[in-house]
Amino acid sequence: MAISYKKLWKLLIDKDMRKKDLRALTGVSTTTMSRLSKDENVSTEMISKICSVLNCDVGDIMEFVPDKKEEP
């Protein structure tokens, strides 16, 4: 299973926020923002900070998606 943060980016658009706004409010580093952009793992502490600032639940910003199967 892979992680997707597409819901986070959509939520930021809905709230008329930019990534830099989220960074300023949460204190999340540029490295963590880069990891989020690449759908890589980030700590639950960071996810918690983001959810707290956006007043949302974990499921509102991320989801697990099945790995893409390679065709023979």
N, C-alpha and C. Protein backbone atom coordinates (compact mmCIF):
# COMPACT_ATOMS: atom_id res chain seq x y z
N MET A 1 0.84 -1.19 0.00
CA MET A 1 0.00 0.00 0.00
C MET A 1 0.88 1.25 0.00
N ALA A 2 0.44 2.23 -0.74
CA ALA A 2 1.15 3.51 -0.81
C ALA A 2 0.29 4.59 -0.16
N ILE A 3 0.92 5.68 0.19
CA ILE A 3 0.22 6.81 0.80
C ILE A 3 0.03 7.90 -0.24
N SER A 4 -1.15 8.51 -0.21
CA SER A 4 -1.42 9.65 -1.09
C SER A 4 -1.88 10.83 -0.24
N TYR A 5 -1.30 11.98 -0.50
CA TYR A 5 -1.69 13.21 0.20
C TYR A 5 -2.49 14.14 -0.71
N LYS A 6 -3.08 13.61 -1.76
CA LYS A 6 -3.88 14.43 -2.67
C LYS A 6 -5.01 15.15 -1.93
N LYS A 7 -5.57 14.49 -0.94
CA LYS A 7 -6.64 15.11 -0.16
C LYS A 7 -6.15 16.36 0.57
N LEU A 8 -4.90 16.33 1.02
CA LEU A 8 -4.33 17.50 1.70
C LEU A 8 -4.25 18.68 0.75
N TRP A 9 -3.75 18.45 -0.45
CA TRP A 9 -3.61 19.54 -1.42
C TRP A 9 -4.97 20.10 -1.83
N LYS A 10 -5.97 19.22 -1.96
CA LYS A 10 -7.31 19.69 -2.29
C LYS A 10 -7.88 20.52 -1.13
N LEU A 11 -7.64 20.06 0.09
CA LEU A 11 -8.13 20.79 1.26
C LEU A 11 -7.49 22.17 1.35
N LEU A 12 -6.21 22.27 1.04
CA LEU A 12 -5.56 23.57 1.03
C LEU A 12 -6.20 24.49 0.00
N ILE A 13 -6.50 23.97 -1.16
CA ILE A 13 -7.18 24.77 -2.20
C ILE A 13 -8.54 25.23 -1.70
N ASP A 14 -9.29 24.30 -1.10
CA ASP A 14 -10.62 24.63 -0.58
C ASP A 14 -10.56 25.72 0.49
N LYS A 15 -9.48 25.73 1.27
CA LYS A 15 -9.32 26.72 2.34
C LYS A 15 -8.56 27.96 1.86
N ASP A 16 -8.29 28.02 0.55
CA ASP A 16 -7.56 29.13 -0.05
C ASP A 16 -6.21 29.35 0.65
N MET A 17 -5.50 28.24 0.84
CA MET A 17 -4.18 28.29 1.48
C MET A 17 -3.12 27.77 0.53
N ARG A 18 -1.91 28.24 0.74
CA ARG A 18 -0.76 27.74 -0.02
C ARG A 18 0.08 26.86 0.89
N LYS A 19 1.00 26.14 0.29
CA LYS A 19 1.89 25.28 1.07
C LYS A 19 2.70 26.10 2.06
N LYS A 20 3.12 27.28 1.65
CA LYS A 20 3.92 28.12 2.56
C LYS A 20 3.08 28.59 3.75
N ASP A 21 1.77 28.78 3.54
CA ASP A 21 0.88 29.14 4.64
C ASP A 21 0.81 28.00 5.66
N LEU A 22 0.69 26.79 5.14
CA LEU A 22 0.63 25.62 6.00
C LEU A 22 1.94 25.47 6.78
N ARG A 23 3.06 25.69 6.11
CA ARG A 23 4.37 25.61 6.78
C ARG A 23 4.46 26.63 7.91
N ALA A 24 4.00 27.84 7.65
CA ALA A 24 4.08 28.90 8.65
C ALA A 24 3.22 28.57 9.87
N LEU A 25 2.05 28.01 9.65
CA LEU A 25 1.13 27.72 10.74
C LEU A 25 1.52 26.48 11.55
N THR A 26 2.17 25.52 10.90
CA THR A 26 2.49 24.26 11.57
C THR A 26 3.94 24.16 12.02
N GLY A 27 4.81 24.92 11.40
CA GLY A 27 6.23 24.79 11.70
C GLY A 27 6.86 23.60 11.02
N VAL A 28 6.16 23.03 10.04
CA VAL A 28 6.67 21.88 9.29
C VAL A 28 7.82 22.35 8.41
N SER A 29 8.89 21.57 8.36
CA SER A 29 10.08 21.95 7.59
C SER A 29 9.85 21.81 6.09
N THR A 30 10.73 22.42 5.33
CA THR A 30 10.66 22.29 3.87
C THR A 30 10.89 20.84 3.46
N THR A 31 11.72 20.14 4.21
CA THR A 31 11.98 18.72 3.93
C THR A 31 10.70 17.91 4.07
N THR A 32 9.96 18.16 5.14
CA THR A 32 8.70 17.44 5.35
C THR A 32 7.70 17.79 4.26
N MET A 33 7.63 19.05 3.88
CA MET A 33 6.72 19.44 2.80
C MET A 33 7.10 18.74 1.51
N SER A 34 8.38 18.61 1.28
CA SER A 34 8.85 17.90 0.09
C SER A 34 8.43 16.43 0.14
N ARG A 35 8.55 15.82 1.31
CA ARG A 35 8.15 14.42 1.47
C ARG A 35 6.64 14.27 1.23
N LEU A 36 5.86 15.21 1.72
CA LEU A 36 4.41 15.18 1.50
C LEU A 36 4.11 15.30 0.01
N SER A 37 4.81 16.18 -0.67
CA SER A 37 4.60 16.39 -2.11
C SER A 37 4.92 15.14 -2.92
N LYS A 38 5.86 14.35 -2.41
CA LYS A 38 6.27 13.13 -3.11
C LYS A 38 5.52 11.89 -2.62
N ASP A 39 4.49 12.09 -1.78
CA ASP A 39 3.71 10.99 -1.21
C ASP A 39 4.58 10.00 -0.45
N GLU A 40 5.54 10.55 0.30
CA GLU A 40 6.42 9.72 1.13
C GLU A 40 5.93 9.76 2.57
N ASN A 41 6.44 8.85 3.37
CA ASN A 41 6.05 8.77 4.78
C ASN A 41 6.54 9.98 5.56
N VAL A 42 5.69 10.47 6.44
CA VAL A 42 6.07 11.51 7.39
C VAL A 42 5.61 11.06 8.77
N SER A 43 6.15 11.65 9.80
CA SER A 43 5.82 11.20 11.16
C SER A 43 4.37 11.52 11.52
N THR A 44 3.86 10.73 12.44
CA THR A 44 2.49 10.96 12.91
C THR A 44 2.40 12.29 13.65
N GLU A 45 3.51 12.72 14.24
CA GLU A 45 3.53 14.03 14.91
C GLU A 45 3.26 15.15 13.91
N MET A 46 3.86 15.06 12.72
CA MET A 46 3.64 16.07 11.68
C MET A 46 2.19 16.01 11.17
N ILE A 47 1.70 14.80 10.97
CA ILE A 47 0.30 14.64 10.53
C ILE A 47 -0.64 15.25 11.56
N SER A 48 -0.34 15.02 12.83
CA SER A 48 -1.16 15.56 13.92
C SER A 48 -1.15 17.09 13.91
N LYS A 49 0.02 17.70 13.71
CA LYS A 49 0.12 19.17 13.65
C LYS A 49 -0.71 19.72 12.50
N ILE A 50 -0.60 19.07 11.34
CA ILE A 50 -1.35 19.52 10.16
C ILE A 50 -2.85 19.44 10.41
N CYS A 51 -3.29 18.29 10.96
CA CYS A 51 -4.72 18.12 11.24
C CYS A 51 -5.22 19.14 12.26
N SER A 52 -4.40 19.43 13.24
CA SER A 52 -4.79 20.40 14.27
C SER A 52 -4.98 21.79 13.66
N VAL A 53 -4.05 22.21 12.82
CA VAL A 53 -4.12 23.53 12.20
C VAL A 53 -5.29 23.62 11.22
N LEU A 54 -5.52 22.55 10.47
CA LEU A 54 -6.59 22.56 9.47
C LEU A 54 -7.94 22.15 10.06
N ASN A 55 -7.94 21.79 11.34
CA ASN A 55 -9.16 21.37 12.02
C ASN A 55 -9.85 20.24 11.25
N CYS A 56 -9.08 19.18 11.02
CA CYS A 56 -9.60 18.05 10.26
C CYS A 56 -9.09 16.74 10.85
N ASP A 57 -9.52 15.65 10.26
CA ASP A 57 -9.12 14.31 10.68
C ASP A 57 -8.05 13.79 9.72
N VAL A 58 -7.32 12.78 10.14
CA VAL A 58 -6.27 12.19 9.31
C VAL A 58 -6.81 11.76 7.94
N GLY A 59 -7.98 11.16 7.92
CA GLY A 59 -8.59 10.71 6.67
C GLY A 59 -8.95 11.84 5.71
N ASP A 60 -8.96 13.06 6.23
CA ASP A 60 -9.27 14.22 5.38
C ASP A 60 -8.05 14.71 4.60
N ILE A 61 -6.84 14.26 5.01
CA ILE A 61 -5.64 14.74 4.34
C ILE A 61 -4.80 13.65 3.68
N MET A 62 -5.08 12.40 4.02
CA MET A 62 -4.29 11.32 3.43
C MET A 62 -5.12 10.06 3.27
N GLU A 63 -4.64 9.18 2.40
CA GLU A 63 -5.30 7.90 2.23
C GLU A 63 -4.28 6.87 1.76
N PHE A 64 -4.59 5.63 2.01
CA PHE A 64 -3.75 4.54 1.51
C PHE A 64 -4.34 4.09 0.18
N VAL A 65 -3.48 3.91 -0.79
CA VAL A 65 -3.91 3.46 -2.11
C VAL A 65 -3.15 2.19 -2.46
N PRO A 66 -3.81 1.28 -3.17
CA PRO A 66 -3.12 0.04 -3.54
C PRO A 66 -1.92 0.31 -4.44
N ASP A 67 -0.88 -0.49 -4.27
CA ASP A 67 0.28 -0.38 -5.15
C ASP A 67 -0.14 -0.73 -6.57
N LYS A 68 0.47 -0.03 -7.51
CA LYS A 68 0.18 -0.33 -8.91
C LYS A 68 0.87 -1.63 -9.28
N LYS A 69 0.09 -2.53 -9.88
CA LYS A 69 0.67 -3.80 -10.32
C LYS A 69 1.32 -3.63 -11.68
N GLU A 70 2.51 -4.16 -11.78
CA GLU A 70 3.19 -4.11 -13.06
C GLU A 70 2.68 -5.23 -13.94
N GLU A 71 2.41 -4.89 -15.17
CA GLU A 71 1.91 -5.89 -16.10
C GLU A 71 3.08 -6.61 -16.74
N PRO A 72 2.94 -7.93 -16.94
CA PRO A 72 4.04 -8.70 -17.53
C PRO A 72 4.31 -8.36 -18.97
